[in-house]
C-alpha atoms as a PDB file:
ATOM      1  CA  MET A   1     -98.952  31.091 -13.762  1.00  0.00           C
ATOM      2  CA  ILE A   2     -96.558  31.486 -10.684  1.00  0.00           C
ATOM      3  CA  LEU A   3     -92.898  32.448 -11.355  1.00  0.00           C
ATOM      4  CA  LEU A   4     -90.282  31.539  -8.877  1.00  0.00           C
ATOM      5  CA  THR A   5     -86.784  32.983  -8.683  1.00  0.00           C
ATOM      6  CA  GLY A   6     -84.197  32.258  -6.317  1.00  0.00           C
ATOM      7  CA  VAL A   7     -84.813  28.562  -6.382  1.00  0.00           C
ATOM      8  CA  THR A   8     -81.174  27.379  -6.101  1.00  0.00           C
ATOM      9  CA  GLY A   9     -81.098  29.292  -2.730  1.00  0.00           C
ATOM     10  CA  THR A  10     -82.391  28.384   0.660  1.00  0.00           C
ATOM     11  CA  ILE A  11     -85.905  29.823   0.554  1.00  0.00           C
ATOM     12  CA  GLY A  12     -86.629  29.506  -3.017  1.00  0.00           C
ATOM     13  CA  ARG A  13     -85.947  25.784  -2.976  1.00  0.00           C
ATOM     14  CA  GLU A  14     -88.313  25.444  -0.063  1.00  0.00           C
ATOM     15  CA  VAL A  15     -91.050  27.384  -1.899  1.00  0.00           C
ATOM     16  CA  ALA A  16     -90.588  25.173  -4.998  1.00  0.00           C
ATOM     17  CA  ARG A  17     -91.123  22.093  -2.951  1.00  0.00           C
ATOM     18  CA  ARG A  18     -94.331  23.362  -1.291  1.00  0.00           C
ATOM     19  CA  LEU A  19     -96.296  24.817  -4.105  1.00  0.00           C
ATOM     20  CA  PRO A  20     -99.246  22.682  -4.861  1.00  0.00           C
ATOM     21  CA  ARG A  21     -98.973  20.302  -7.886  1.00  0.00           C
ATOM     22  CA  ASP A  22    -102.018  21.669  -9.445  1.00  0.00           C
ATOM     23  CA  ARG A  23    -100.600  25.154  -9.778  1.00  0.00           C
ATOM     24  CA  ARG A  24     -98.743  26.175 -13.115  1.00  0.00           C
ATOM     25  CA  VAL A  25     -95.307  27.037 -11.932  1.00  0.00           C
ATOM     26  CA  ARG A  26     -92.285  28.349 -13.922  1.00  0.00           C
ATOM     27  CA  ILE A  27     -89.004  28.554 -12.300  1.00  0.00           C
ATOM     28  CA  VAL A  28     -86.199  30.913 -13.712  1.00  0.00           C
ATOM     29  CA  ALA A  29     -82.581  30.266 -13.130  1.00  0.00           C
ATOM     30  CA  ARG A  30     -79.125  31.135 -14.470  1.00  0.00           C
ATOM     31  CA  ASP A  31     -78.381  27.365 -14.455  1.00  0.00           C
ATOM     32  CA  PRO A  32     -81.415  25.105 -14.669  1.00  0.00           C
ATOM     33  CA  ARG A  33     -79.343  22.194 -13.803  1.00  0.00           C
ATOM     34  CA  ARG A  34     -78.991  23.461 -10.213  1.00  0.00           C
ATOM     35  CA  VAL A  35     -82.689  23.617  -9.598  1.00  0.00           C
ATOM     36  CA  THR A  36     -83.842  20.694  -7.373  1.00  0.00           C
ATOM     37  CA  GLY A  37     -87.009  19.864  -5.391  1.00  0.00           C
ATOM     38  CA  ALA A  38     -89.556  21.298  -7.885  1.00  0.00           C
ATOM     39  CA  HIS A  39     -92.586  19.010  -8.661  1.00  0.00           C
ATOM     40  CA  ALA A  40     -92.402  17.358 -12.084  1.00  0.00           C
ATOM     41  CA  GLY A  41     -94.922  19.566 -13.747  1.00  0.00           C
ATOM     42  CA  ALA A  42     -92.885  22.782 -13.049  1.00  0.00           C
ATOM     43  CA  GLU A  43     -91.372  24.555 -16.145  1.00  0.00           C
ATOM     44  CA  ILE A  44     -87.742  25.422 -15.600  1.00  0.00           C
ATOM     45  CA  VAL A  45     -86.153  28.295 -17.820  1.00  0.00           C
ATOM     46  CA  THR A  46     -82.888  29.906 -18.449  1.00  0.00           C
ATOM     47  CA  GLY A  47     -82.929  33.514 -17.400  1.00  0.00           C
ATOM     48  CA  ASP A  48     -80.530  36.140 -15.956  1.00  0.00           C
ATOM     49  CA  TYR A  49     -81.376  39.444 -14.217  1.00  0.00           C
ATOM     50  CA  GLY A  50     -78.767  41.028 -16.487  1.00  0.00           C
ATOM     51  CA  ASP A  51     -80.476  39.660 -19.604  1.00  0.00           C
ATOM     52  CA  PRO A  52     -83.872  41.617 -20.277  1.00  0.00           C
ATOM     53  CA  ALA A  53     -84.889  39.491 -23.065  1.00  0.00           C
ATOM     54  CA  SER A  54     -84.496  36.254 -20.953  1.00  0.00           C
ATOM     55  CA  LEU A  55     -86.506  37.975 -18.138  1.00  0.00           C
ATOM     56  CA  ALA A  56     -89.296  39.002 -20.896  1.00  0.00           C
ATOM     57  CA  ARG A  57     -89.522  35.275 -21.881  1.00  0.00           C
ATOM     58  CA  ALA A  58     -89.619  34.003 -18.423  1.00  0.00           C
ATOM     59  CA  LEU A  59     -92.456  36.374 -17.245  1.00  0.00           C
ATOM     60  CA  ALA A  60     -94.813  36.086 -20.319  1.00  0.00           C
ATOM     61  CA  GLY A  61     -98.099  34.934 -19.061  1.00  0.00           C
ATOM     62  CA  VAL A  62     -97.160  35.232 -15.459  1.00  0.00           C
ATOM     63  CA  GLU A  63     -99.778  36.424 -12.910  1.00  0.00           C
ATOM     64  CA  ARG A  64     -97.700  36.327  -9.639  1.00  0.00           C
ATOM     65  CA  ALA A  65     -94.000  36.284  -9.145  1.00  0.00           C
ATOM     66  CA  PHE A  66     -91.629  35.505  -6.111  1.00  0.00           C
ATOM     67  CA  LEU A  67     -88.826  37.862  -6.035  1.00  0.00           C
ATOM     68  CA  VAL A  68     -85.436  36.682  -4.430  1.00  0.00           C
ATOM     69  CA  THR A  69     -82.126  38.503  -5.331  1.00  0.00           C
ATOM     70  CA  SER A  70     -78.818  38.194  -3.430  1.00  0.00           C
ATOM     71  CA  ARG A  71     -76.573  40.783  -5.260  1.00  0.00           C
ATOM     72  CA  VAL A  72     -76.655  44.370  -4.015  1.00  0.00           C
ATOM     73  CA  GLY A  73     -77.345  46.383  -7.260  1.00  0.00           C
ATOM     74  CA  GLY A  74     -79.782  46.739  -9.934  1.00  0.00           C
ATOM     75  CA  ASP A  75     -81.249  43.259 -10.267  1.00  0.00           C
ATOM     76  CA  ASP A  76     -84.458  43.878  -8.556  1.00  0.00           C
ATOM     77  CA  GLU A  77     -85.039  47.077 -10.663  1.00  0.00           C
ATOM     78  CA  ARG A  78     -84.571  45.246 -13.885  1.00  0.00           C
ATOM     79  CA  PHE A  79     -86.845  42.403 -12.759  1.00  0.00           C
ATOM     80  CA  LEU A  80     -89.577  44.676 -11.650  1.00  0.00           C
ATOM     81  CA  GLU A  81     -89.303  46.786 -14.857  1.00  0.00           C
ATOM     82  CA  ALA A  82     -89.842  43.393 -16.899  1.00  0.00           C
ATOM     83  CA  ALA A  83     -92.613  42.202 -14.655  1.00  0.00           C
ATOM     84  CA  ARG A  84     -94.485  45.477 -15.036  1.00  0.00           C
ATOM     85  CA  GLY A  85     -93.903  45.194 -18.818  1.00  0.00           C
ATOM     86  CA  ALA A  86     -95.113  41.501 -18.909  1.00  0.00           C
ATOM     87  CA  GLY A  87     -98.353  42.401 -17.053  1.00  0.00           C
ATOM     88  CA  VAL A  88     -97.675  40.650 -13.773  1.00  0.00           C
ATOM     89  CA  ARG A  89    -100.328  41.443 -11.264  1.00  0.00           C
ATOM     90  CA  HIS A  90     -98.671  40.631  -8.023  1.00  0.00           C
ATOM     91  CA  VAL A  91     -95.053  40.360  -6.814  1.00  0.00           C
ATOM     92  CA  VAL A  92     -93.982  38.744  -3.502  1.00  0.00           C
ATOM     93  CA  LYS A  93     -90.678  40.074  -2.465  1.00  0.00           C
ATOM     94  CA  LEU A  94     -88.341  38.307   0.121  1.00  0.00           C
ATOM     95  CA  SER A  95     -86.851  41.317   2.014  1.00  0.00           C
ATOM     96  CA  ALA A  96     -85.303  41.595   5.614  1.00  0.00           C
ATOM     97  CA  ALA A  97     -86.654  42.502   9.009  1.00  0.00           C
ATOM     98  CA  ALA A  98     -83.967  45.260   9.458  1.00  0.00           C
ATOM     99  CA  VAL A  99     -85.825  47.541   6.887  1.00  0.00           C
ATOM    100  CA  SER A 100     -88.203  48.593   9.555  1.00  0.00           C
ATOM    101  CA  ASP A 101     -85.412  49.268  12.088  1.00  0.00           C
ATOM    102  CA  PRO A 102     -84.445  53.105  12.012  1.00  0.00           C
ATOM    103  CA  GLY A 103     -81.246  52.193  13.471  1.00  0.00           C
ATOM    104  CA  ALA A 104     -80.230  49.946  10.513  1.00  0.00           C
ATOM    105  CA  ASP A 105     -78.189  51.810   7.926  1.00  0.00           C
ATOM    106  CA  ASP A 106     -75.863  49.227   6.440  1.00  0.00           C
ATOM    107  CA  VAL A 107     -75.433  48.739   2.621  1.00  0.00           C
ATOM    108  CA  ILE A 108     -77.750  45.522   2.727  1.00  0.00           C
ATOM    109  CA  THR A 109     -80.726  47.300   4.509  1.00  0.00           C
ATOM    110  CA  ARG A 110     -80.485  50.426   2.445  1.00  0.00           C
ATOM    111  CA  TRP A 111     -80.716  48.094  -0.763  1.00  0.00           C
ATOM    112  CA  GLN A 112     -83.669  46.334   0.570  1.00  0.00           C
ATOM    113  CA  ARG A 113     -85.428  49.404   1.505  1.00  0.00           C
ATOM    114  CA  GLY A 114     -84.923  50.829  -1.971  1.00  0.00           C
ATOM    115  CA  THR A 115     -86.156  47.557  -3.577  1.00  0.00           C
ATOM    116  CA  GLU A 116     -89.365  47.730  -1.404  1.00  0.00           C
ATOM    117  CA  ASP A 117     -89.788  51.324  -2.386  1.00  0.00           C
ATOM    118  CA  LEU A 118     -89.509  50.398  -6.233  1.00  0.00           C
ATOM    119  CA  LEU A 119     -91.993  47.672  -5.814  1.00  0.00           C
ATOM    120  CA  ARG A 120     -94.502  49.709  -3.873  1.00  0.00           C
ATOM    121  CA  GLY A 121     -94.275  52.329  -6.587  1.00  0.00           C
ATOM    122  CA  SER A 122     -94.464  50.005  -9.357  1.00  0.00           C
ATOM    123  CA  GLY A 123     -98.323  49.842  -9.953  1.00  0.00           C
ATOM    124  CA  MET A 124     -98.235  46.168  -9.446  1.00  0.00           C
ATOM    125  CA  GLY A 125     -99.697  44.485  -6.364  1.00  0.00           C
ATOM    126  CA  TRP A 126     -97.114  43.655  -3.825  1.00  0.00           C
ATOM    127  CA  THR A 127     -96.466  41.673  -0.457  1.00  0.00           C
ATOM    128  CA  LEU A 128     -93.241  41.846   1.565  1.00  0.00           C
ATOM    129  CA  LEU A 129     -91.814  39.190   3.528  1.00  0.00           C
ATOM    130  CA  ARG A 130     -89.250  40.426   6.049  1.00  0.00           C
ATOM    131  CA  PRO A 131     -87.712  37.570   7.896  1.00  0.00           C
ATOM    132  CA  ARG A 132     -85.173  37.572  10.734  1.00  0.00           C
ATOM    133  CA  ALA A 133     -82.069  35.608  10.455  1.00  0.00           C
ATOM    134  CA  PHE A 134     -82.368  31.968   9.107  1.00  0.00           C
ATOM    135  CA  MET A 135     -81.917  29.119  11.619  1.00  0.00           C
ATOM    136  CA  SER A 136     -80.143  27.433   8.932  1.00  0.00           C
ATOM    137  CA  ASN A 137     -77.462  29.915   9.183  1.00  0.00           C
ATOM    138  CA  THR A 138     -75.979  27.778  11.985  1.00  0.00           C
ATOM    139  CA  LEU A 139     -75.250  24.940   9.499  1.00  0.00           C
ATOM    140  CA  SER A 140     -71.808  26.995   8.967  1.00  0.00           C
ATOM    141  CA  TRP A 141     -70.993  25.827  12.574  1.00  0.00           C
ATOM    142  CA  ALA A 142     -71.171  22.168  11.310  1.00  0.00           C
ATOM    143  CA  PRO A 143     -67.582  21.446  10.336  1.00  0.00           C
ATOM    144  CA  ALA A 144     -66.253  22.700  13.712  1.00  0.00           C
ATOM    145  CA  VAL A 145     -69.164  20.749  15.650  1.00  0.00           C
ATOM    146  CA  ARG A 146     -68.166  17.531  13.928  1.00  0.00           C
ATOM    147  CA  THR A 147     -64.462  17.643  14.169  1.00  0.00           C
ATOM    148  CA  ASP A 148     -63.706  19.916  17.376  1.00  0.00           C
ATOM    149  CA  ARG A 149     -67.046  19.850  19.162  1.00  0.00           C
ATOM    150  CA  VAL A 150     -67.085  23.574  19.360  1.00  0.00           C
ATOM    151  CA  VAL A 151     -69.141  26.458  18.176  1.00  0.00           C
ATOM    152  CA  ARG A 152     -67.209  29.877  17.478  1.00  0.00           C
ATOM    153  CA  ALA A 153     -69.358  32.857  16.934  1.00  0.00           C
ATOM    154  CA  LEU A 154     -69.555  36.627  17.725  1.00  0.00           C
ATOM    155  CA  TYR A 155     -71.566  37.891  20.642  1.00  0.00           C
ATOM    156  CA  GLY A 156     -72.867  34.404  22.033  1.00  0.00           C
ATOM    157  CA  THR A 157     -75.266  35.984  24.614  1.00  0.00           C
ATOM    158  CA  SER A 158     -76.983  38.580  22.191  1.00  0.00           C
ATOM    159  CA  PRO A 159     -80.643  37.609  21.614  1.00  0.00           C
ATOM    160  CA  HIS A 160     -82.130  36.992  18.090  1.00  0.00           C
ATOM    161  CA  SER A 161     -85.539  35.716  17.123  1.00  0.00           C
ATOM    162  CA  CYS A 162     -84.270  33.554  14.111  1.00  0.00           C
ATOM    163  CA  VAL A 163     -86.765  31.819  11.954  1.00  0.00           C
ATOM    164  CA  ASP A 164     -87.013  28.455  10.225  1.00  0.00           C
ATOM    165  CA  PRO A 165     -86.581  28.766   6.537  1.00  0.00           C
ATOM    166  CA  ARG A 166     -89.539  26.235   6.049  1.00  0.00           C
ATOM    167  CA  ASP A 167     -91.775  28.761   7.837  1.00  0.00           C
ATOM    168  CA  ILE A 168     -90.636  31.528   5.424  1.00  0.00           C
ATOM    169  CA  ALA A 169     -91.522  29.332   2.593  1.00  0.00           C
ATOM    170  CA  ASP A 170     -94.863  28.141   4.095  1.00  0.00           C
ATOM    171  CA  VAL A 171     -95.898  31.862   4.265  1.00  0.00           C
ATOM    172  CA  ALA A 172     -94.550  32.554   0.731  1.00  0.00           C
ATOM    173  CA  VAL A 173     -96.770  29.693  -0.749  1.00  0.00           C
ATOM    174  CA  ARG A 174     -99.862  30.975   1.095  1.00  0.00           C
ATOM    175  CA  VAL A 175     -99.331  34.547  -0.231  1.00  0.00           C
ATOM    176  CA  LEU A 176     -98.605  33.344  -3.814  1.00  0.00           C
ATOM    177  CA  THR A 177    -101.758  31.027  -3.870  1.00  0.00           C
ATOM    178  CA  GLU A 178    -104.234  32.961  -1.861  1.00  0.00           C
ATOM    179  CA  GLU A 179    -106.030  36.365  -1.928  1.00  0.00           C
ATOM    180  CA  GLY A 180    -106.014  38.968   0.811  1.00  0.00           C
ATOM    181  CA  HIS A 181    -102.300  39.538   1.193  1.00  0.00           C
ATOM    182  CA  ALA A 182    -101.757  42.388  -1.260  1.00  0.00           C
ATOM    183  CA  GLY A 183    -100.344  45.681   0.247  1.00  0.00           C
ATOM    184  CA  ARG A 184     -99.115  43.716   3.424  1.00  0.00           C
ATOM    185  CA  ALA A 185     -95.607  43.475   4.947  1.00  0.00           C
ATOM    186  CA  TYR A 186     -95.055  40.350   7.213  1.00  0.00           C
ATOM    187  CA  THR A 187     -92.061  40.279   9.739  1.00  0.00           C
ATOM    188  CA  LEU A 188     -91.278  36.698  10.098  1.00  0.00           C
ATOM    189  CA  THR A 189     -89.632  35.508  13.413  1.00  0.00           C
ATOM    190  CA  GLY A 190     -89.256  32.334  15.263  1.00  0.00           C
ATOM    191  CA  PRO A 191     -91.462  31.705  18.526  1.00  0.00           C
ATOM    192  CA  GLU A 192     -88.831  33.127  20.867  1.00  0.00           C
ATOM    193  CA  ALA A 193     -85.532  34.972  20.894  1.00  0.00           C
ATOM    194  CA  THR A 194     -82.457  32.855  21.540  1.00  0.00           C
ATOM    195  CA  THR A 195     -78.722  33.229  21.537  1.00  0.00           C
ATOM    196  CA  ALA A 196     -75.762  31.468  19.899  1.00  0.00           C
ATOM    197  CA  VAL A 197     -74.817  30.079  23.434  1.00  0.00           C
ATOM    198  CA  ARG A 198     -78.310  28.531  23.827  1.00  0.00           C
ATOM    199  CA  GLN A 199     -78.231  27.161  20.251  1.00  0.00           C
ATOM    200  CA  THR A 200     -74.803  25.555  21.094  1.00  0.00           C
ATOM    201  CA  GLU A 201     -76.522  23.878  24.221  1.00  0.00           C
ATOM    202  CA  GLU A 202     -79.486  22.656  22.157  1.00  0.00           C
ATOM    203  CA  LEU A 203     -77.146  21.206  19.509  1.00  0.00           C
ATOM    204  CA  GLY A 204     -75.159  19.363  22.165  1.00  0.00           C
ATOM    205  CA  ARG A 205     -78.292  18.022  23.867  1.00  0.00           C
ATOM    206  CA  GLN A 206     -79.667  16.607  20.718  1.00  0.00           C
ATOM    207  CA  LEU A 207     -76.236  15.172  19.568  1.00  0.00           C
ATOM    208  CA  GLY A 208     -75.702  13.743  23.031  1.00  0.00           C
ATOM    209  CA  VAL A 209     -72.381  15.554  23.401  1.00  0.00           C
ATOM    210  CA  GLU A 210     -70.916  18.357  25.135  1.00  0.00           C
ATOM    211  CA  LEU A 211     -70.144  21.228  22.903  1.00  0.00           C
ATOM    212  CA  ASP A 212     -67.964  24.211  23.830  1.00  0.00           C
ATOM    213  CA  PHE A 213     -68.822  27.745  22.724  1.00  0.00           C
ATOM    214  CA  GLU A 214     -65.901  30.075  21.942  1.00  0.00           C
ATOM    215  CA  GLU A 215     -66.728  33.810  21.360  1.00  0.00           C
ATOM    216  CA  LEU A 216     -64.832  35.277  18.687  1.00  0.00           C
ATOM    217  CA  ALA A 217     -63.354  38.938  18.882  1.00  0.00           C
ATOM    218  CA  ARG A 218     -64.687  41.258  16.378  1.00  0.00           C
ATOM    219  CA  HIS A 219     -61.498  41.144  14.156  1.00  0.00           C
ATOM    220  CA  GLU A 220     -61.771  37.394  14.180  1.00  0.00           C
ATOM    221  CA  ALA A 221     -65.353  37.535  13.121  1.00  0.00           C
ATOM    222  CA  ARG A 222     -64.339  40.128  10.341  1.00  0.00           C
ATOM    223  CA  ALA A 223     -61.471  37.675   9.011  1.00  0.00           C
ATOM    224  CA  ALA A 224     -63.819  34.858   9.115  1.00  0.00           C
ATOM    225  CA  LEU A 225     -66.610  36.454   7.157  1.00  0.00           C
ATOM    226  CA  GLY A 226     -64.012  38.081   4.731  1.00  0.00           C
ATOM    227  CA  GLY A 227     -63.158  34.594   3.523  1.00  0.00           C
ATOM    228  CA  ARG A 228     -66.697  34.126   2.318  1.00  0.00           C
ATOM    229  CA  HIS A 229     -68.021  37.650   1.556  1.00  0.00           C
ATOM    230  CA  PRO A 230     -66.929  40.965  -0.059  1.00  0.00           C
ATOM    231  CA  ALA A 231     -65.801  43.747   2.278  1.00  0.00           C
ATOM    232  CA  PRO A 232     -68.884  45.812   2.164  1.00  0.00           C
ATOM    233  CA  LEU A 233     -71.116  42.787   3.002  1.00  0.00           C
ATOM    234  CA  VAL A 234     -68.925  41.785   5.895  1.00  0.00           C
ATOM    235  CA  GLU A 235     -69.224  45.369   7.425  1.00  0.00           C
ATOM    236  CA  ALA A 236     -73.083  45.151   6.873  1.00  0.00           C
ATOM    237  CA  LEU A 237     -73.158  41.906   8.884  1.00  0.00           C
ATOM    238  CA  LEU A 238     -70.881  43.219  11.622  1.00  0.00           C
ATOM    239  CA  ALA A 239     -73.215  46.265  11.994  1.00  0.00           C
ATOM    240  CA  GLY A 240     -76.039  43.844  12.038  1.00  0.00           C
ATOM    241  CA  ALA A 241     -74.326  41.871  15.027  1.00  0.00           C
ATOM    242  CA  GLU A 242     -73.938  45.175  16.873  1.00  0.00           C
ATOM    243  CA  ARG A 243     -77.588  45.864  16.470  1.00  0.00           C
ATOM    244  CA  GLN A 244     -78.432  42.510  17.775  1.00  0.00           C
ATOM    245  CA  ARG A 245     -76.230  42.862  20.756  1.00  0.00           C
ATOM    246  CA  ALA A 246     -78.086  45.949  21.506  1.00  0.00           C
ATOM    247  CA  GLY A 247     -81.328  44.117  21.499  1.00  0.00           C
ATOM    248  CA  ALA A 248     -82.849  45.151  18.199  1.00  0.00           C
ATOM    249  CA  LYS A 249     -83.367  41.647  16.869  1.00  0.00           C
ATOM    250  CA  ALA A 250     -85.009  40.082  20.002  1.00  0.00           C
ATOM    251  CA  GLY A 251     -88.468  40.933  19.169  1.00  0.00           C
ATOM    252  CA  VAL A 252     -91.005  38.074  18.303  1.00  0.00           C
ATOM    253  CA  ASN A 253     -94.111  38.276  16.652  1.00  0.00           C
ATOM    254  CA  ASP A 254     -96.980  35.946  15.551  1.00  0.00           C
ATOM    255  CA  ALA A 255     -97.136  36.554  11.557  1.00  0.00           C
ATOM    256  CA  VAL A 256     -96.288  32.791  10.755  1.00  0.00           C
ATOM    257  CA  ARG A 257     -99.360  31.764  12.656  1.00  0.00           C
ATOM    258  CA  GLU A 258    -101.322  34.540  11.263  1.00  0.00           C
ATOM    259  CA  VAL A 259    -100.674  33.610   7.540  1.00  0.00           C
ATOM    260  CA  THR A 260    -100.298  29.703   7.988  1.00  0.00           C
ATOM    261  CA  GLY A 261    -102.597  29.029  10.877  1.00  0.00           C
ATOM    262  CA  ARG A 262     -99.965  27.199  12.858  1.00  0.00           C
ATOM    263  CA  PRO A 263     -97.194  28.368  15.227  1.00  0.00           C
ATOM    264  CA  ALA A 264     -93.680  28.999  13.971  1.00  0.00           C
ATOM    265  CA  ARG A 265     -91.069  26.136  14.407  1.00  0.00           C
ATOM    266  CA  SER A 266     -88.680  26.450  17.130  1.00  0.00           C
ATOM    267  CA  TYR A 267     -84.826  26.070  16.843  1.00  0.00           C
ATOM    268  CA  ALA A 268     -85.084  22.691  18.667  1.00  0.00           C
ATOM    269  CA  GLU A 269     -87.375  21.469  15.986  1.00  0.00           C
ATOM    270  CA  TRP A 270     -85.048  22.767  13.292  1.00  0.00           C
ATOM    271  CA  VAL A 271     -82.037  20.978  14.930  1.00  0.00           C
ATOM    272  CA  ARG A 272     -84.124  17.822  15.130  1.00  0.00           C
ATOM    273  CA  ASP A 273     -84.728  17.783  11.362  1.00  0.00           C
ATOM    274  CA  HIS A 274     -81.282  18.671  10.428  1.00  0.00           C
ATOM    275  CA  LEU A 275     -79.230  16.914  13.108  1.00  0.00           C
ATOM    276  CA  SER A 276     -77.278  14.748  10.542  1.00  0.00           C
ATOM    277  CA  ALA A 277     -75.506  17.785   9.274  1.00  0.00           C
ATOM    278  CA  PHE A 278     -73.817  17.972  12.657  1.00  0.00           C
ATOM    279  CA  ALA A 279     -73.181  14.377  13.520  1.00  0.00           C
ATOM    280  CA  ALA A 280     -69.660  13.095  13.295  1.00  0.00           C
END
């Protein structure tokens, strides 16, 4: 039995769609009504990281689990405790590439490092997936692209090797269904480093329109992020942007090909498959 968490989010949803239909799959969610895309045979149960009894029920009979958390705090620790108690053999954790960067010390990176340490010391088998930023983050540009034909972002020429969420999900499915990945940490990137300016150009090319790029000042970016995130998370994202400007996120590797046998998708491919979100 494979247990999936985070299925109402970007990566978990793609993993649920891709797991083979002949695998026994259980999905745990706070609100099962929000789960979409899972195959018909998947079992969907209600559970919450803050409810140990619900975690115990969800983990009963599970051999492998995919762990996705989004709140800085004790969710990971509670899940791992319950998983160990239920006899889970292998946990695949969605982490972040920044954990391996000694220059990264923001609240998000410290939390992810701490969770990785807990998992490695849990006695269970483990695999760590450490992606760079998701290509799908540029969906936040869609409203301004549709109405004003403009992209507004911080540090438009700073390089980053963003990755297609579908590639992360493909790697996760292989790790969850194959042997040979225990004790491995995979940093997942796209095939090349790009910039917000070049992404804007690619969007305009495929839309057949001319898009402008407007670089936000730091205080403007802080205000925009503050409308969506709590202050500590905003500061962590701004710190990440500074590291990106310094070149810390430009590195590319071949882990997607190593695990899946095919190259990582480019940003142009991601745009082609999501162009309708940006079209007027």
